[in-house]
Amino acid sequence: EAETGLAFLEKALDEKLWEVSFEDIADSTFDGDIDKAKRAVGLFNAYCARCHTAGYSAGVAYTKEIGSGGLGPALRAGRANIQFKQREDLIDFIVKGSVNGKAYGVNGVGGGKMPGFGAVLPESDIALVIDYLRGMKPDA
């Protein structure tokens, strides 16, 4: 069993699915501003990844990419743009969170599990997270 565990860790280390390129994110989403890219990814990892990335709270650690889904839905492949056509709707959802049975976005119905971050994060940080989400590509 130790060999199996070691093989798993070695594979995870080789794949490094948890890594992101701050330079690529800065160029594609933040007009080359690497500090904004680093802050956005840091905020996502601190406040979103636990539910929205397999292996943070659900699933086997280090086996899925950032935003791959876990307890919450996957956010990759432009999901934020599909679910929330208007940026303001996504801001409102992140600020307030979901309410059980209440509709949100396109065909979304809240389960009451998504917390609101309006009392925790300033609007400028929420805007960075939204920019990061809306810029995620399938291979993000």
C-alpha atoms as a PDB file:
ATOM      1  CA  GLU A   1       0.000   0.000   0.000  1.00  0.00           C
ATOM      2  CA  ALA A   2       2.884   2.371   0.643  1.00  0.00           C
ATOM      3  CA  GLU A   3       4.045   1.905  -2.953  1.00  0.00           C
ATOM      4  CA  THR A   4       0.591   2.803  -4.257  1.00  0.00           C
ATOM      5  CA  GLY A   5       0.524   5.930  -2.115  1.00  0.00           C
ATOM      6  CA  LEU A   6       3.995   6.932  -3.206  1.00  0.00           C
ATOM      7  CA  ALA A   7       3.098   6.382  -6.873  1.00  0.00           C
ATOM      8  CA  PHE A   8       0.036   8.600  -6.424  1.00  0.00           C
ATOM      9  CA  LEU A   9       2.098  11.388  -4.882  1.00  0.00           C
ATOM     10  CA  GLU A  10       4.772  11.126  -7.573  1.00  0.00           C
ATOM     11  CA  LYS A  11       2.131  11.332 -10.317  1.00  0.00           C
ATOM     12  CA  ALA A  12       0.508  14.341  -8.646  1.00  0.00           C
ATOM     13  CA  LEU A  13       3.896  16.013  -8.381  1.00  0.00           C
ATOM     14  CA  ASP A  14       4.589  15.391 -12.078  1.00  0.00           C
ATOM     15  CA  GLU A  15       1.186  16.706 -13.225  1.00  0.00           C
ATOM     16  CA  LYS A  16       1.054  19.724 -10.879  1.00  0.00           C
ATOM     17  CA  LEU A  17      -2.632  20.276 -11.630  1.00  0.00           C
ATOM     18  CA  TRP A  18      -2.849  22.825  -8.838  1.00  0.00           C
ATOM     19  CA  GLU A  19      -0.386  25.180 -10.497  1.00  0.00           C
ATOM     20  CA  VAL A  20      -1.409  28.166 -12.567  1.00  0.00           C
ATOM     21  CA  SER A  21       0.622  30.542 -14.696  1.00  0.00           C
ATOM     22  CA  PHE A  22       0.300  33.982 -13.165  1.00  0.00           C
ATOM     23  CA  GLU A  23       1.873  35.433 -16.288  1.00  0.00           C
ATOM     24  CA  ASP A  24      -0.754  33.845 -18.553  1.00  0.00           C
ATOM     25  CA  ILE A  25      -3.597  34.951 -16.289  1.00  0.00           C
ATOM     26  CA  ALA A  26      -2.151  38.458 -16.055  1.00  0.00           C
ATOM     27  CA  ASP A  27      -1.855  38.698 -19.844  1.00  0.00           C
ATOM     28  CA  SER A  28      -5.262  37.215 -20.675  1.00  0.00           C
ATOM     29  CA  THR A  29      -7.345  38.782 -17.908  1.00  0.00           C
ATOM     30  CA  PHE A  30      -5.581  41.661 -16.160  1.00  0.00           C
ATOM     31  CA  ASP A  31      -3.821  43.568 -18.964  1.00  0.00           C
ATOM     32  CA  GLY A  32      -0.478  42.133 -17.897  1.00  0.00           C
ATOM     33  CA  ASP A  33      -0.822  43.121 -14.223  1.00  0.00           C
ATOM     34  CA  ILE A  34       0.818  40.188 -12.432  1.00  0.00           C
ATOM     35  CA  ASP A  35      -0.038  41.546  -8.974  1.00  0.00           C
ATOM     36  CA  LYS A  36      -3.749  41.498  -9.808  1.00  0.00           C
ATOM     37  CA  ALA A  37      -3.426  37.974 -11.211  1.00  0.00           C
ATOM     38  CA  LYS A  38      -1.680  36.737  -8.070  1.00  0.00           C
ATOM     39  CA  ARG A  39      -4.231  38.385  -5.803  1.00  0.00           C
ATOM     40  CA  ALA A  40      -7.171  37.019  -7.819  1.00  0.00           C
ATOM     41  CA  VAL A  41      -5.809  33.464  -7.743  1.00  0.00           C
ATOM     42  CA  GLY A  42      -5.000  33.813  -4.048  1.00  0.00           C
ATOM     43  CA  LEU A  43      -8.516  35.024  -3.288  1.00  0.00           C
ATOM     44  CA  PHE A  44     -10.007  32.181  -5.331  1.00  0.00           C
ATOM     45  CA  ASN A  45      -7.863  29.635  -3.490  1.00  0.00           C
ATOM     46  CA  ALA A  46      -8.707  31.152  -0.104  1.00  0.00           C
ATOM     47  CA  TYR A  47     -12.448  31.664  -0.546  1.00  0.00           C
ATOM     48  CA  CYS A  48     -13.698  29.609  -3.508  1.00  0.00           C
ATOM     49  CA  ALA A  49     -11.496  26.595  -4.154  1.00  0.00           C
ATOM     50  CA  ARG A  50     -12.584  24.722  -1.050  1.00  0.00           C
ATOM     51  CA  CYS A  51     -15.971  24.094  -2.649  1.00  0.00           C
ATOM     52  CA  HIS A  52     -15.235  24.662  -6.326  1.00  0.00           C
ATOM     53  CA  THR A  53     -12.073  22.558  -6.782  1.00  0.00           C
ATOM     54  CA  ALA A  54     -12.005  18.792  -6.333  1.00  0.00           C
ATOM     55  CA  GLY A  55      -9.443  17.793  -3.747  1.00  0.00           C
ATOM     56  CA  TYR A  56      -9.742  20.845  -1.494  1.00  0.00           C
ATOM     57  CA  SER A  57     -12.692  19.437   0.474  1.00  0.00           C
ATOM     58  CA  ALA A  58     -14.167  16.767  -1.766  1.00  0.00           C
ATOM     59  CA  GLY A  59     -12.422  14.113  -3.782  1.00  0.00           C
ATOM     60  CA  VAL A  60      -8.831  13.043  -3.854  1.00  0.00           C
ATOM     61  CA  ALA A  61      -6.359  15.857  -3.289  1.00  0.00           C
ATOM     62  CA  TYR A  62      -4.167  17.091  -6.138  1.00  0.00           C
ATOM     63  CA  THR A  63      -6.015  15.239  -8.901  1.00  0.00           C
ATOM     64  CA  LYS A  64      -8.066  18.006 -10.503  1.00  0.00           C
ATOM     65  CA  GLU A  65      -7.458  21.464 -11.880  1.00  0.00           C
ATOM     66  CA  ILE A  66      -8.456  24.678 -10.122  1.00  0.00           C
ATOM     67  CA  GLY A  67     -12.181  25.339 -10.565  1.00  0.00           C
ATOM     68  CA  SER A  68     -12.923  21.712 -11.484  1.00  0.00           C
ATOM     69  CA  GLY A  69     -15.849  21.432  -9.088  1.00  0.00           C
ATOM     70  CA  GLY A  70     -16.218  19.587  -5.816  1.00  0.00           C
ATOM     71  CA  LEU A  71     -18.924  20.399  -3.309  1.00  0.00           C
ATOM     72  CA  GLY A  72     -19.866  23.326  -5.542  1.00  0.00           C
ATOM     73  CA  PRO A  73     -20.146  23.276  -9.328  1.00  0.00           C
ATOM     74  CA  ALA A  74     -17.203  23.481 -11.697  1.00  0.00           C
ATOM     75  CA  LEU A  75     -16.323  27.029 -12.705  1.00  0.00           C
ATOM     76  CA  ARG A  76     -14.058  26.269 -15.650  1.00  0.00           C
ATOM     77  CA  ALA A  77     -14.733  26.565 -19.361  1.00  0.00           C
ATOM     78  CA  GLY A  78     -16.503  29.913 -19.108  1.00  0.00           C
ATOM     79  CA  ARG A  79     -19.101  28.657 -16.627  1.00  0.00           C
ATOM     80  CA  ALA A  80     -19.314  32.061 -14.916  1.00  0.00           C
ATOM     81  CA  ASN A  81     -20.134  33.669 -18.277  1.00  0.00           C
ATOM     82  CA  ILE A  82     -22.762  31.051 -19.113  1.00  0.00           C
ATOM     83  CA  GLN A  83     -24.489  31.056 -15.714  1.00  0.00           C
ATOM     84  CA  PHE A  84     -24.350  34.834 -15.279  1.00  0.00           C
ATOM     85  CA  LYS A  85     -24.770  36.742 -18.529  1.00  0.00           C
ATOM     86  CA  GLN A  86     -24.503  40.078 -16.719  1.00  0.00           C
ATOM     87  CA  ARG A  87     -21.479  40.843 -14.553  1.00  0.00           C
ATOM     88  CA  GLU A  88     -23.738  42.627 -12.046  1.00  0.00           C
ATOM     89  CA  ASP A  89     -25.732  39.423 -11.486  1.00  0.00           C
ATOM     90  CA  LEU A  90     -22.558  37.519 -10.611  1.00  0.00           C
ATOM     91  CA  ILE A  91     -21.459  40.311  -8.272  1.00  0.00           C
ATOM     92  CA  ASP A  92     -24.837  40.167  -6.521  1.00  0.00           C
ATOM     93  CA  PHE A  93     -24.649  36.379  -6.214  1.00  0.00           C
ATOM     94  CA  ILE A  94     -21.153  36.400  -4.727  1.00  0.00           C
ATOM     95  CA  VAL A  95     -22.014  39.256  -2.361  1.00  0.00           C
ATOM     96  CA  LYS A  96     -25.275  37.673  -1.101  1.00  0.00           C
ATOM     97  CA  GLY A  97     -24.747  33.940  -1.665  1.00  0.00           C
ATOM     98  CA  SER A  98     -27.473  31.485  -2.549  1.00  0.00           C
ATOM     99  CA  VAL A  99     -30.855  31.211  -0.907  1.00  0.00           C
ATOM    100  CA  ASN A 100     -32.535  27.817  -0.813  1.00  0.00           C
ATOM    101  CA  GLY A 101     -35.103  27.606  -3.594  1.00  0.00           C
ATOM    102  CA  LYS A 102     -34.358  31.090  -4.985  1.00  0.00           C
ATOM    103  CA  ALA A 103     -33.525  31.398  -8.681  1.00  0.00           C
ATOM    104  CA  TYR A 104     -30.214  32.896  -9.748  1.00  0.00           C
ATOM    105  CA  GLY A 105     -28.419  33.396 -13.040  1.00  0.00           C
ATOM    106  CA  VAL A 106     -29.487  31.252 -15.990  1.00  0.00           C
ATOM    107  CA  ASN A 107     -31.598  28.313 -14.787  1.00  0.00           C
ATOM    108  CA  GLY A 108     -29.928  28.282 -11.368  1.00  0.00           C
ATOM    109  CA  VAL A 109     -31.832  27.444  -8.209  1.00  0.00           C
ATOM    110  CA  GLY A 110     -30.092  28.091  -4.918  1.00  0.00           C
ATOM    111  CA  GLY A 111     -29.492  25.337  -2.428  1.00  0.00           C
ATOM    112  CA  GLY A 112     -28.490  27.716   0.346  1.00  0.00           C
ATOM    113  CA  LYS A 113     -24.941  26.347   0.499  1.00  0.00           C
ATOM    114  CA  MET A 114     -23.072  29.157  -1.277  1.00  0.00           C
ATOM    115  CA  PRO A 115     -22.156  31.738   1.364  1.00  0.00           C
ATOM    116  CA  GLY A 116     -22.276  35.436   0.677  1.00  0.00           C
ATOM    117  CA  PHE A 117     -18.917  37.178   0.744  1.00  0.00           C
ATOM    118  CA  GLY A 118     -20.133  40.785   0.809  1.00  0.00           C
ATOM    119  CA  ALA A 119     -19.427  41.154   4.526  1.00  0.00           C
ATOM    120  CA  VAL A 120     -16.034  39.440   4.208  1.00  0.00           C
ATOM    121  CA  LEU A 121     -14.426  40.797   1.046  1.00  0.00           C
ATOM    122  CA  PRO A 122     -14.279  44.351  -0.264  1.00  0.00           C
ATOM    123  CA  GLU A 123     -15.870  45.012  -3.638  1.00  0.00           C
ATOM    124  CA  SER A 124     -12.430  45.393  -5.227  1.00  0.00           C
ATOM    125  CA  ASP A 125     -11.495  41.821  -4.243  1.00  0.00           C
ATOM    126  CA  ILE A 126     -14.834  40.454  -5.424  1.00  0.00           C
ATOM    127  CA  ALA A 127     -14.216  42.205  -8.751  1.00  0.00           C
ATOM    128  CA  LEU A 128     -10.806  40.502  -9.064  1.00  0.00           C
ATOM    129  CA  VAL A 129     -12.341  37.080  -8.405  1.00  0.00           C
ATOM    130  CA  ILE A 130     -15.061  37.756 -10.968  1.00  0.00           C
ATOM    131  CA  ASP A 131     -12.513  38.817 -13.573  1.00  0.00           C
ATOM    132  CA  TYR A 132     -10.543  35.637 -12.873  1.00  0.00           C
ATOM    133  CA  LEU A 133     -13.668  33.446 -13.128  1.00  0.00           C
ATOM    134  CA  ARG A 134     -14.881  35.095 -16.302  1.00  0.00           C
ATOM    135  CA  GLY A 135     -11.441  34.668 -17.841  1.00  0.00           C
ATOM    136  CA  MET A 136     -11.080  30.957 -17.003  1.00  0.00           C
ATOM    137  CA  LYS A 137     -10.503  28.756 -20.014  1.00  0.00           C
ATOM    138  CA  PRO A 138     -11.139  25.005 -20.285  1.00  0.00           C
ATOM    139  CA  ASP A 139      -7.466  24.416 -19.525  1.00  0.00           C
ATOM    140  CA  ALA A 140      -7.302  27.046 -16.729  1.00  0.00           C
END
